[in-house]
Amino acid sequence: MDHKALTQAKFLEILTKAEATEDVQLTKVELRPGAEDGQNYSGQVVACRLEANVKDQPKIYNWMAKVPFDDAGKFVPLRLLKTERFMNIGDDGYKYVESYKRFAENVIDPIQLRNQLTRPDACRFNVLCHGDPWFNNMLFRYEDQNPTDVCLVDLARTKWASPTIDLSYFLFISTTPELRQAHMNEILEYYHQCLSQALKELGEDPSVFSLRELKSDYKKCSFFGFMMSMTALPILLARKEDVLSSEEMIGDLTDPDVKRKFAHLHSARAKASMTHEPQIGHRISGGFMEMVENGYFTL
């Protein structure tokens, strides 16, 4: 396979920096899909095998790259109709829809608020956030079947914002409402201990961000995690055959017929995924009730 972003010139540039020498001759590049059909969503995973001579020594590199789709028209992010997630929850779904609409009409567009929360002026203390910290972007090292270290990958969405942006995103997408309900205070206290220790090791004053401020920021930024979970959970928890993958999203979205086709597909797949996997509706409805407790929505 070929890809416009993964050129020999780009690989040579990366190798030259990685090996800290100009004496690099790239002799072979092989690219192949790094994920099965249906597993790519907002980008394409590509397996890269490189052969090169570095200071006259032959070397082989096996890399994984996540890049935009080669055809820019193949994936265009759609603004999903969030209320569809509520309509498929069950008997209380209509109440959630009405509450969501009231908030949008009388307070602020929820998507606009979600985006505002990621700006550095939304909270007093800001850090470099990963932006997409769910469990599939974490590589774990194990010793004797016990995790001993973790490495975050996929840095395409890094941003300067409150640390609770990453925290809320991770908790709403990777944990259940029951876990958060039972252990939220413990989670925040442990997170604050680790953050304070990291600040000390960096020579910074750990009192710059108190536990009280962390809890206040988390309550505010939890809305970001909830909004992201409504988009992500029906995809992440769905059966593979129920997901509308990027491979199916081929067409010109400026064409009204193509737009209607994609909207219909999104609606049908969302209903199918929530029917086949009840945990999706359970986790979204649980997140909604947390937003009621945090003062965003009313019932």
C-alpha atoms as a PDB file:
ATOM      1  CA  MET A   1       0.000   0.000   0.000  1.00  0.00           C
ATOM      2  CA  ASP A   2       0.986   3.655  -0.430  1.00  0.00           C
ATOM      3  CA  HIS A   3       0.236   6.718   1.678  1.00  0.00           C
ATOM      4  CA  LYS A   4       0.775  10.380   0.873  1.00  0.00           C
ATOM      5  CA  ALA A   5       2.011  11.188   4.397  1.00  0.00           C
ATOM      6  CA  LEU A   6       4.364   8.198   4.703  1.00  0.00           C
ATOM      7  CA  THR A   7       6.989   9.041   2.109  1.00  0.00           C
ATOM      8  CA  GLN A   8      10.613   7.937   1.886  1.00  0.00           C
ATOM      9  CA  ALA A   9      11.643  11.525   2.564  1.00  0.00           C
ATOM     10  CA  LYS A  10       9.610  11.571   5.797  1.00  0.00           C
ATOM     11  CA  PHE A  11      11.027   8.242   6.969  1.00  0.00           C
ATOM     12  CA  LEU A  12      14.567   9.411   6.165  1.00  0.00           C
ATOM     13  CA  GLU A  13      13.987  12.593   8.176  1.00  0.00           C
ATOM     14  CA  ILE A  14      12.759  10.546  11.173  1.00  0.00           C
ATOM     15  CA  LEU A  15      15.618   8.057  10.953  1.00  0.00           C
ATOM     16  CA  THR A  16      18.233  10.804  10.723  1.00  0.00           C
ATOM     17  CA  LYS A  17      16.917  12.362  13.935  1.00  0.00           C
ATOM     18  CA  ALA A  18      16.478   9.025  15.715  1.00  0.00           C
ATOM     19  CA  GLU A  19      19.973   7.818  14.890  1.00  0.00           C
ATOM     20  CA  ALA A  20      21.554  11.268  15.401  1.00  0.00           C
ATOM     21  CA  THR A  21      23.532  11.016  12.172  1.00  0.00           C
ATOM     22  CA  GLU A  22      23.269  12.134   8.558  1.00  0.00           C
ATOM     23  CA  ASP A  23      24.868   8.880   7.433  1.00  0.00           C
ATOM     24  CA  VAL A  24      21.593   7.058   6.751  1.00  0.00           C
ATOM     25  CA  GLN A  25      20.612   5.359   3.495  1.00  0.00           C
ATOM     26  CA  LEU A  26      17.033   4.117   3.338  1.00  0.00           C
ATOM     27  CA  THR A  27      16.988   0.986   1.157  1.00  0.00           C
ATOM     28  CA  LYS A  28      13.450  -0.376   1.495  1.00  0.00           C
ATOM     29  CA  VAL A  29      10.004   0.710   2.752  1.00  0.00           C
ATOM     30  CA  GLU A  30       7.054  -1.651   3.102  1.00  0.00           C
ATOM     31  CA  LEU A  31       3.639  -0.424   4.248  1.00  0.00           C
ATOM     32  CA  ARG A  32       0.632  -2.563   5.080  1.00  0.00           C
ATOM     33  CA  PRO A  33      -2.637  -2.031   6.962  1.00  0.00           C
ATOM     34  CA  GLY A  34      -2.070  -2.097  10.707  1.00  0.00           C
ATOM     35  CA  ALA A  35      -5.715  -2.704  11.588  1.00  0.00           C
ATOM     36  CA  GLU A  36      -8.566  -4.742  10.192  1.00  0.00           C
ATOM     37  CA  ASP A  37     -11.464  -3.232   8.279  1.00  0.00           C
ATOM     38  CA  GLY A  38     -13.840  -1.600  10.734  1.00  0.00           C
ATOM     39  CA  GLN A  39     -11.147  -0.850  13.325  1.00  0.00           C
ATOM     40  CA  ASN A  40      -9.990   2.487  11.898  1.00  0.00           C
ATOM     41  CA  TYR A  41     -12.085   5.447  12.982  1.00  0.00           C
ATOM     42  CA  SER A  42     -10.555   8.934  12.998  1.00  0.00           C
ATOM     43  CA  GLY A  43      -7.262   7.860  11.482  1.00  0.00           C
ATOM     44  CA  GLN A  44      -5.553   4.991   9.741  1.00  0.00           C
ATOM     45  CA  VAL A  45      -3.107   2.615  11.426  1.00  0.00           C
ATOM     46  CA  VAL A  46      -0.259   1.554   9.148  1.00  0.00           C
ATOM     47  CA  ALA A  47       2.417  -1.073   9.815  1.00  0.00           C
ATOM     48  CA  CYS A  48       5.785   0.153   8.482  1.00  0.00           C
ATOM     49  CA  ARG A  49       8.845  -2.014   7.838  1.00  0.00           C
ATOM     50  CA  LEU A  50      12.019  -0.106   6.979  1.00  0.00           C
ATOM     51  CA  GLU A  51      15.435  -1.328   5.920  1.00  0.00           C
ATOM     52  CA  ALA A  52      18.350   1.101   6.087  1.00  0.00           C
ATOM     53  CA  ASN A  53      22.118   1.371   6.291  1.00  0.00           C
ATOM     54  CA  VAL A  54      23.238   3.485   9.227  1.00  0.00           C
ATOM     55  CA  LYS A  55      26.955   4.251   9.170  1.00  0.00           C
ATOM     56  CA  ASP A  56      27.304   1.274   6.808  1.00  0.00           C
ATOM     57  CA  GLN A  57      25.521  -1.024   9.252  1.00  0.00           C
ATOM     58  CA  PRO A  58      22.261  -2.667   8.038  1.00  0.00           C
ATOM     59  CA  LYS A  59      19.279  -2.112  10.300  1.00  0.00           C
ATOM     60  CA  ILE A  60      15.591  -3.087  10.225  1.00  0.00           C
ATOM     61  CA  TYR A  61      12.807  -1.042  11.844  1.00  0.00           C
ATOM     62  CA  ASN A  62       9.232  -2.166  12.470  1.00  0.00           C
ATOM     63  CA  TRP A  63       6.982   0.774  13.303  1.00  0.00           C
ATOM     64  CA  MET A  64       3.281   1.460  13.665  1.00  0.00           C
ATOM     65  CA  ALA A  65       2.022   4.812  12.385  1.00  0.00           C
ATOM     66  CA  LYS A  66      -1.357   6.461  12.903  1.00  0.00           C
ATOM     67  CA  VAL A  67      -2.015   8.925  10.120  1.00  0.00           C
ATOM     68  CA  PRO A  68      -4.918  10.723   8.415  1.00  0.00           C
ATOM     69  CA  PHE A  69      -6.587   8.787   5.649  1.00  0.00           C
ATOM     70  CA  ASP A  70      -4.820   8.944   2.321  1.00  0.00           C
ATOM     71  CA  ASP A  71      -8.036  10.146   0.697  1.00  0.00           C
ATOM     72  CA  ALA A  72      -9.101  13.305   2.520  1.00  0.00           C
ATOM     73  CA  GLY A  73     -12.701  12.748   1.430  1.00  0.00           C
ATOM     74  CA  LYS A  74     -12.833   9.271   2.903  1.00  0.00           C
ATOM     75  CA  PHE A  75     -13.404  10.441   6.472  1.00  0.00           C
ATOM     76  CA  VAL A  76     -15.130  13.678   7.358  1.00  0.00           C
ATOM     77  CA  PRO A  77     -16.123  13.999  11.026  1.00  0.00           C
ATOM     78  CA  LEU A  78     -19.887  14.246  11.342  1.00  0.00           C
ATOM     79  CA  ARG A  79     -21.598  16.221  14.053  1.00  0.00           C
ATOM     80  CA  LEU A  80     -23.623  13.405  15.566  1.00  0.00           C
ATOM     81  CA  LEU A  81     -27.106  13.956  16.861  1.00  0.00           C
ATOM     82  CA  LYS A  82     -26.411  13.359  20.527  1.00  0.00           C
ATOM     83  CA  THR A  83     -30.060  12.941  21.465  1.00  0.00           C
ATOM     84  CA  GLU A  84     -30.206   9.702  19.468  1.00  0.00           C
ATOM     85  CA  ARG A  85     -28.120   8.147  22.232  1.00  0.00           C
ATOM     86  CA  PHE A  86     -30.872   8.991  24.734  1.00  0.00           C
ATOM     87  CA  MET A  87     -33.752   7.783  22.570  1.00  0.00           C
ATOM     88  CA  ASN A  88     -32.328   4.267  22.635  1.00  0.00           C
ATOM     89  CA  ILE A  89     -31.768   4.086  26.392  1.00  0.00           C
ATOM     90  CA  GLY A  90     -35.227   2.936  27.477  1.00  0.00           C
ATOM     91  CA  ASP A  91     -38.275   4.278  29.269  1.00  0.00           C
ATOM     92  CA  ASP A  92     -36.468   7.357  30.633  1.00  0.00           C
ATOM     93  CA  GLY A  93     -34.857   8.250  27.316  1.00  0.00           C
ATOM     94  CA  TYR A  94     -37.440  10.876  26.416  1.00  0.00           C
ATOM     95  CA  LYS A  95     -36.795  12.671  29.742  1.00  0.00           C
ATOM     96  CA  TYR A  96     -33.095  12.906  28.918  1.00  0.00           C
ATOM     97  CA  VAL A  97     -33.867  14.226  25.431  1.00  0.00           C
ATOM     98  CA  GLU A  98     -36.102  16.983  26.794  1.00  0.00           C
ATOM     99  CA  SER A  99     -33.547  17.935  29.447  1.00  0.00           C
ATOM    100  CA  TYR A 100     -30.748  18.048  26.864  1.00  0.00           C
ATOM    101  CA  LYS A 101     -32.861  20.257  24.595  1.00  0.00           C
ATOM    102  CA  ARG A 102     -33.782  22.622  27.439  1.00  0.00           C
ATOM    103  CA  PHE A 103     -30.120  23.033  28.309  1.00  0.00           C
ATOM    104  CA  ALA A 104     -29.228  23.737  24.658  1.00  0.00           C
ATOM    105  CA  GLU A 105     -32.037  26.276  24.241  1.00  0.00           C
ATOM    106  CA  ASN A 106     -31.855  28.061  27.599  1.00  0.00           C
ATOM    107  CA  VAL A 107     -28.197  27.811  28.654  1.00  0.00           C
ATOM    108  CA  ILE A 108     -25.659  26.981  25.931  1.00  0.00           C
ATOM    109  CA  ASP A 109     -25.110  24.586  23.049  1.00  0.00           C
ATOM    110  CA  PRO A 110     -23.620  21.509  24.808  1.00  0.00           C
ATOM    111  CA  ILE A 111     -21.001  21.034  22.101  1.00  0.00           C
ATOM    112  CA  GLN A 112     -19.943  24.679  22.416  1.00  0.00           C
ATOM    113  CA  LEU A 113     -19.602  24.259  26.196  1.00  0.00           C
ATOM    114  CA  ARG A 114     -17.604  21.043  25.723  1.00  0.00           C
ATOM    115  CA  ASN A 115     -15.154  22.906  23.488  1.00  0.00           C
ATOM    116  CA  GLN A 116     -14.915  25.892  25.856  1.00  0.00           C
ATOM    117  CA  LEU A 117     -13.861  23.633  28.713  1.00  0.00           C
ATOM    118  CA  THR A 118     -10.750  22.552  26.802  1.00  0.00           C
ATOM    119  CA  ARG A 119      -9.402  26.099  26.600  1.00  0.00           C
ATOM    120  CA  PRO A 120      -6.614  26.966  29.051  1.00  0.00           C
ATOM    121  CA  ASP A 121      -8.545  29.878  30.525  1.00  0.00           C
ATOM    122  CA  ALA A 122     -11.424  27.628  31.564  1.00  0.00           C
ATOM    123  CA  CYS A 123      -9.603  26.581  34.752  1.00  0.00           C
ATOM    124  CA  ARG A 124      -6.849  28.239  36.755  1.00  0.00           C
ATOM    125  CA  PHE A 125      -4.296  25.397  36.704  1.00  0.00           C
ATOM    126  CA  ASN A 126      -3.337  23.964  33.311  1.00  0.00           C
ATOM    127  CA  VAL A 127      -1.104  21.158  32.065  1.00  0.00           C
ATOM    128  CA  LEU A 128      -0.246  19.511  28.766  1.00  0.00           C
ATOM    129  CA  CYS A 129      -3.124  17.053  28.337  1.00  0.00           C
ATOM    130  CA  HIS A 130      -2.950  13.875  26.269  1.00  0.00           C
ATOM    131  CA  GLY A 131      -6.411  14.554  24.815  1.00  0.00           C
ATOM    132  CA  ASP A 132      -7.445  10.945  24.126  1.00  0.00           C
ATOM    133  CA  PRO A 133      -6.524   8.890  27.223  1.00  0.00           C
ATOM    134  CA  TRP A 134      -8.700   5.800  26.930  1.00  0.00           C
ATOM    135  CA  PHE A 135      -7.395   2.304  27.591  1.00  0.00           C
ATOM    136  CA  ASN A 136      -6.566   1.445  23.954  1.00  0.00           C
ATOM    137  CA  ASN A 137      -4.060   4.309  23.937  1.00  0.00           C
ATOM    138  CA  MET A 138      -2.173   2.834  26.890  1.00  0.00           C
ATOM    139  CA  LEU A 139       0.587   0.235  26.586  1.00  0.00           C
ATOM    140  CA  PHE A 140       1.248  -1.726  29.777  1.00  0.00           C
ATOM    141  CA  ARG A 141       4.397  -3.539  30.830  1.00  0.00           C
ATOM    142  CA  TYR A 142       3.837  -6.711  32.823  1.00  0.00           C
ATOM    143  CA  GLU A 143       6.112  -8.640  35.142  1.00  0.00           C
ATOM    144  CA  ASP A 144       4.792 -11.936  36.539  1.00  0.00           C
ATOM    145  CA  GLN A 145       1.365 -11.041  35.135  1.00  0.00           C
ATOM    146  CA  ASN A 146       1.294  -7.776  37.125  1.00  0.00           C
ATOM    147  CA  PRO A 147       1.333  -4.347  35.446  1.00  0.00           C
ATOM    148  CA  THR A 148       4.479  -2.446  36.406  1.00  0.00           C
ATOM    149  CA  ASP A 149       4.515   0.498  33.991  1.00  0.00           C
ATOM    150  CA  VAL A 150       2.369   2.265  31.423  1.00  0.00           C
ATOM    151  CA  CYS A 151       3.111   4.311  28.306  1.00  0.00           C
ATOM    152  CA  LEU A 152       0.603   6.606  26.597  1.00  0.00           C
ATOM    153  CA  VAL A 153       0.538   6.534  22.789  1.00  0.00           C
ATOM    154  CA  ASP A 154      -1.305   8.503  20.070  1.00  0.00           C
ATOM    155  CA  LEU A 155      -0.502  12.153  20.783  1.00  0.00           C
ATOM    156  CA  ALA A 156      -2.681  13.582  18.001  1.00  0.00           C
ATOM    157  CA  ARG A 157      -5.015  15.471  20.369  1.00  0.00           C
ATOM    158  CA  THR A 158      -2.679  17.017  22.928  1.00  0.00           C
ATOM    159  CA  LYS A 159      -3.885  20.315  24.377  1.00  0.00           C
ATOM    160  CA  TRP A 160      -3.069  22.840  27.116  1.00  0.00           C
ATOM    161  CA  ALA A 161      -5.942  22.648  29.600  1.00  0.00           C
ATOM    162  CA  SER A 162      -7.023  21.599  33.066  1.00  0.00           C
ATOM    163  CA  PRO A 163      -5.738  18.145  34.082  1.00  0.00           C
ATOM    164  CA  THR A 164      -9.357  17.257  34.814  1.00  0.00           C
ATOM    165  CA  ILE A 165     -10.025  17.279  31.044  1.00  0.00           C
ATOM    166  CA  ASP A 166      -7.947  14.118  30.677  1.00  0.00           C
ATOM    167  CA  LEU A 167      -9.226  12.755  33.974  1.00  0.00           C
ATOM    168  CA  SER A 168     -12.917  13.151  33.098  1.00  0.00           C
ATOM    169  CA  TYR A 169     -12.365  11.765  29.592  1.00  0.00           C
ATOM    170  CA  PHE A 170     -10.650   8.667  30.968  1.00  0.00           C
ATOM    171  CA  LEU A 171     -13.168   8.052  33.747  1.00  0.00           C
ATOM    172  CA  PHE A 172     -16.316   8.486  31.633  1.00  0.00           C
ATOM    173  CA  ILE A 173     -15.045   6.303  28.797  1.00  0.00           C
ATOM    174  CA  SER A 174     -13.075   3.650  30.668  1.00  0.00           C
ATOM    175  CA  THR A 175     -15.038   3.165  33.924  1.00  0.00           C
ATOM    176  CA  THR A 176     -18.625   2.455  34.953  1.00  0.00           C
ATOM    177  CA  PRO A 177     -21.053   4.805  36.735  1.00  0.00           C
ATOM    178  CA  GLU A 178     -21.042   2.384  39.702  1.00  0.00           C
ATOM    179  CA  LEU A 179     -17.269   2.645  40.119  1.00  0.00           C
ATOM    180  CA  ARG A 180     -17.348   6.435  39.973  1.00  0.00           C
ATOM    181  CA  GLN A 181     -20.279   6.612  42.391  1.00  0.00           C
ATOM    182  CA  ALA A 182     -18.530   4.404  44.931  1.00  0.00           C
ATOM    183  CA  HIS A 183     -14.936   5.638  44.627  1.00  0.00           C
ATOM    184  CA  MET A 184     -14.868   9.167  43.149  1.00  0.00           C
ATOM    185  CA  ASN A 185     -13.431  10.793  46.264  1.00  0.00           C
ATOM    186  CA  GLU A 186     -10.730   8.125  46.559  1.00  0.00           C
ATOM    187  CA  ILE A 187      -9.855   8.482  42.858  1.00  0.00           C
ATOM    188  CA  LEU A 188      -9.498  12.265  43.099  1.00  0.00           C
ATOM    189  CA  GLU A 189      -7.483  12.052  46.320  1.00  0.00           C
ATOM    190  CA  TYR A 190      -5.092   9.473  44.828  1.00  0.00           C
ATOM    191  CA  TYR A 191      -4.785  11.480  41.605  1.00  0.00           C
ATOM    192  CA  HIS A 192      -3.945  14.596  43.608  1.00  0.00           C
ATOM    193  CA  GLN A 193      -1.277  12.714  45.598  1.00  0.00           C
ATOM    194  CA  CYS A 194       0.372  11.534  42.378  1.00  0.00           C
ATOM    195  CA  LEU A 195       0.144  14.997  40.787  1.00  0.00           C
ATOM    196  CA  SER A 196       1.656  16.644  43.867  1.00  0.00           C
ATOM    197  CA  GLN A 197       4.511  14.126  43.865  1.00  0.00           C
ATOM    198  CA  ALA A 198       5.166  14.758  40.160  1.00  0.00           C
ATOM    199  CA  LEU A 199       5.251  18.520  40.764  1.00  0.00           C
ATOM    200  CA  LYS A 200       7.774  18.031  43.589  1.00  0.00           C
ATOM    201  CA  GLU A 201      10.005  15.901  41.362  1.00  0.00           C
ATOM    202  CA  LEU A 202       9.908  18.644  38.722  1.00  0.00           C
ATOM    203  CA  GLY A 203      10.930  21.241  41.286  1.00  0.00           C
ATOM    204  CA  GLU A 204       7.510  22.909  41.305  1.00  0.00           C
ATOM    205  CA  ASP A 205       5.388  23.964  44.266  1.00  0.00           C
ATOM    206  CA  PRO A 206       2.734  21.212  44.822  1.00  0.00           C
ATOM    207  CA  SER A 207       0.463  23.674  46.622  1.00  0.00           C
ATOM    208  CA  VAL A 208      -0.189  25.422  43.290  1.00  0.00           C
ATOM    209  CA  PHE A 209      -3.192  23.116  42.813  1.00  0.00           C
ATOM    210  CA  SER A 210      -5.031  22.045  45.970  1.00  0.00           C
ATOM    211  CA  LEU A 211      -7.296  19.028  46.366  1.00  0.00           C
ATOM    212  CA  ARG A 212     -10.233  21.393  46.787  1.00  0.00           C
ATOM    213  CA  GLU A 213      -9.397  23.064  43.467  1.00  0.00           C
ATOM    214  CA  LEU A 214      -9.021  19.677  41.790  1.00  0.00           C
ATOM    215  CA  LYS A 215     -12.477  18.592  42.952  1.00  0.00           C
ATOM    216  CA  SER A 216     -13.979  21.903  41.835  1.00  0.00           C
ATOM    217  CA  ASP A 217     -12.343  21.680  38.403  1.00  0.00           C
ATOM    218  CA  TYR A 218     -13.369  18.047  38.003  1.00  0.00           C
ATOM    219  CA  LYS A 219     -17.009  18.891  38.738  1.00  0.00           C
ATOM    220  CA  LYS A 220     -16.885  21.589  36.059  1.00  0.00           C
ATOM    221  CA  CYS A 221     -14.912  19.600  33.473  1.00  0.00           C
ATOM    222  CA  SER A 222     -16.852  16.370  34.006  1.00  0.00           C
ATOM    223  CA  PHE A 223     -19.199  17.711  31.331  1.00  0.00           C
ATOM    224  CA  PHE A 224     -16.396  17.292  28.793  1.00  0.00           C
ATOM    225  CA  GLY A 225     -15.938  13.633  29.709  1.00  0.00           C
ATOM    226  CA  PHE A 226     -19.672  13.006  29.543  1.00  0.00           C
ATOM    227  CA  MET A 227     -20.052  14.606  26.107  1.00  0.00           C
ATOM    228  CA  MET A 228     -17.109  12.642  24.732  1.00  0.00           C
ATOM    229  CA  SER A 229     -18.516   9.413  26.163  1.00  0.00           C
ATOM    230  CA  MET A 230     -21.792   9.881  24.276  1.00  0.00           C
ATOM    231  CA  THR A 231     -19.863   9.855  21.016  1.00  0.00           C
ATOM    232  CA  ALA A 232     -17.305   7.211  21.948  1.00  0.00           C
ATOM    233  CA  LEU A 233     -19.145   4.559  23.977  1.00  0.00           C
ATOM    234  CA  PRO A 234     -21.582   3.458  21.226  1.00  0.00           C
ATOM    235  CA  ILE A 235     -18.510   2.832  19.065  1.00  0.00           C
ATOM    236  CA  LEU A 236     -16.063   1.430  21.625  1.00  0.00           C
ATOM    237  CA  LEU A 237     -18.512  -0.970  23.275  1.00  0.00           C
ATOM    238  CA  ALA A 238     -20.404  -1.995  20.153  1.00  0.00           C
ATOM    239  CA  ARG A 239     -20.060  -5.210  18.247  1.00  0.00           C
ATOM    240  CA  LYS A 240     -17.711  -4.740  15.318  1.00  0.00           C
ATOM    241  CA  GLU A 241     -20.492  -5.319  12.771  1.00  0.00           C
ATOM    242  CA  ASP A 242     -22.620  -2.540  14.318  1.00  0.00           C
ATOM    243  CA  VAL A 243     -19.972   0.191  14.015  1.00  0.00           C
ATOM    244  CA  LEU A 244     -20.086   2.640  11.110  1.00  0.00           C
ATOM    245  CA  SER A 245     -16.414   2.535  10.254  1.00  0.00           C
ATOM    246  CA  SER A 246     -14.364   5.026   8.322  1.00  0.00           C
ATOM    247  CA  GLU A 247     -14.061   2.539   5.472  1.00  0.00           C
ATOM    248  CA  GLU A 248     -17.804   2.982   4.830  1.00  0.00           C
ATOM    249  CA  MET A 249     -17.706   6.786   4.969  1.00  0.00           C
ATOM    250  CA  ILE A 250     -16.715   7.424   1.390  1.00  0.00           C
ATOM    251  CA  GLY A 251     -18.329  10.303  -0.427  1.00  0.00           C
ATOM    252  CA  ASP A 252     -18.728  14.042  -0.748  1.00  0.00           C
ATOM    253  CA  LEU A 253     -20.507  15.405   2.333  1.00  0.00           C
ATOM    254  CA  THR A 254     -21.361  18.587   0.460  1.00  0.00           C
ATOM    255  CA  ASP A 255     -23.800  16.421  -1.514  1.00  0.00           C
ATOM    256  CA  PRO A 256     -27.183  16.432   0.323  1.00  0.00           C
ATOM    257  CA  ASP A 257     -27.918  12.853  -0.760  1.00  0.00           C
ATOM    258  CA  VAL A 258     -24.587  11.613   0.625  1.00  0.00           C
ATOM    259  CA  LYS A 259     -25.199  13.539   3.848  1.00  0.00           C
ATOM    260  CA  ARG A 260     -28.635  11.964   4.258  1.00  0.00           C
ATOM    261  CA  LYS A 261     -27.169   8.519   3.582  1.00  0.00           C
ATOM    262  CA  PHE A 262     -24.537   8.918   6.288  1.00  0.00           C
ATOM    263  CA  ALA A 263     -27.089  10.333   8.766  1.00  0.00           C
ATOM    264  CA  HIS A 264     -29.341   7.327   8.148  1.00  0.00           C
ATOM    265  CA  LEU A 265     -26.424   4.922   8.595  1.00  0.00           C
ATOM    266  CA  HIS A 266     -25.360   6.614  11.837  1.00  0.00           C
ATOM    267  CA  SER A 267     -28.885   6.421  13.214  1.00  0.00           C
ATOM    268  CA  ALA A 268     -29.368   2.779  12.249  1.00  0.00           C
ATOM    269  CA  ARG A 269     -25.983   1.668  13.614  1.00  0.00           C
ATOM    270  CA  ALA A 270     -26.426   3.601  16.879  1.00  0.00           C
ATOM    271  CA  LYS A 271     -29.770   1.898  17.473  1.00  0.00           C
ATOM    272  CA  ALA A 272     -28.323  -1.504  16.605  1.00  0.00           C
ATOM    273  CA  SER A 273     -25.302  -1.117  18.868  1.00  0.00           C
ATOM    274  CA  MET A 274     -27.364   0.036  21.847  1.00  0.00           C
ATOM    275  CA  THR A 275     -29.862  -2.798  21.301  1.00  0.00           C
ATOM    276  CA  HIS A 276     -27.175  -5.465  21.116  1.00  0.00           C
ATOM    277  CA  GLU A 277     -25.058  -4.056  23.958  1.00  0.00           C
ATOM    278  CA  PRO A 278     -27.230  -2.779  26.868  1.00  0.00           C
ATOM    279  CA  GLN A 279     -24.115  -1.601  28.744  1.00  0.00           C
ATOM    280  CA  ILE A 280     -23.871   1.358  26.332  1.00  0.00           C
ATOM    281  CA  GLY A 281     -27.231   2.783  27.365  1.00  0.00           C
ATOM    282  CA  HIS A 282     -26.560   2.013  31.009  1.00  0.00           C
ATOM    283  CA  ARG A 283     -23.276   3.914  31.024  1.00  0.00           C
ATOM    284  CA  ILE A 284     -24.648   6.906  29.103  1.00  0.00           C
ATOM    285  CA  SER A 285     -27.707   7.181  31.359  1.00  0.00           C
ATOM    286  CA  GLY A 286     -25.447   6.869  34.422  1.00  0.00           C
ATOM    287  CA  GLY A 287     -23.271   9.661  33.073  1.00  0.00           C
ATOM    288  CA  PHE A 288     -26.341  11.785  32.448  1.00  0.00           C
ATOM    289  CA  MET A 289     -27.409  11.426  36.083  1.00  0.00           C
ATOM    290  CA  GLU A 290     -23.923  12.562  37.139  1.00  0.00           C
ATOM    291  CA  MET A 291     -24.459  15.700  35.049  1.00  0.00           C
ATOM    292  CA  VAL A 292     -27.746  16.249  36.917  1.00  0.00           C
ATOM    293  CA  GLU A 293     -25.856  15.929  40.231  1.00  0.00           C
ATOM    294  CA  ASN A 294     -23.174  18.354  38.983  1.00  0.00           C
ATOM    295  CA  GLY A 295     -25.797  20.984  38.119  1.00  0.00           C
ATOM    296  CA  TYR A 296     -25.764  20.817  34.333  1.00  0.00           C
ATOM    297  CA  PHE A 297     -29.020  19.071  33.447  1.00  0.00           C
ATOM    298  CA  THR A 298     -32.382  18.968  35.239  1.00  0.00           C
ATOM    299  CA  LEU A 299     -35.123  16.344  35.230  1.00  0.00           C
END
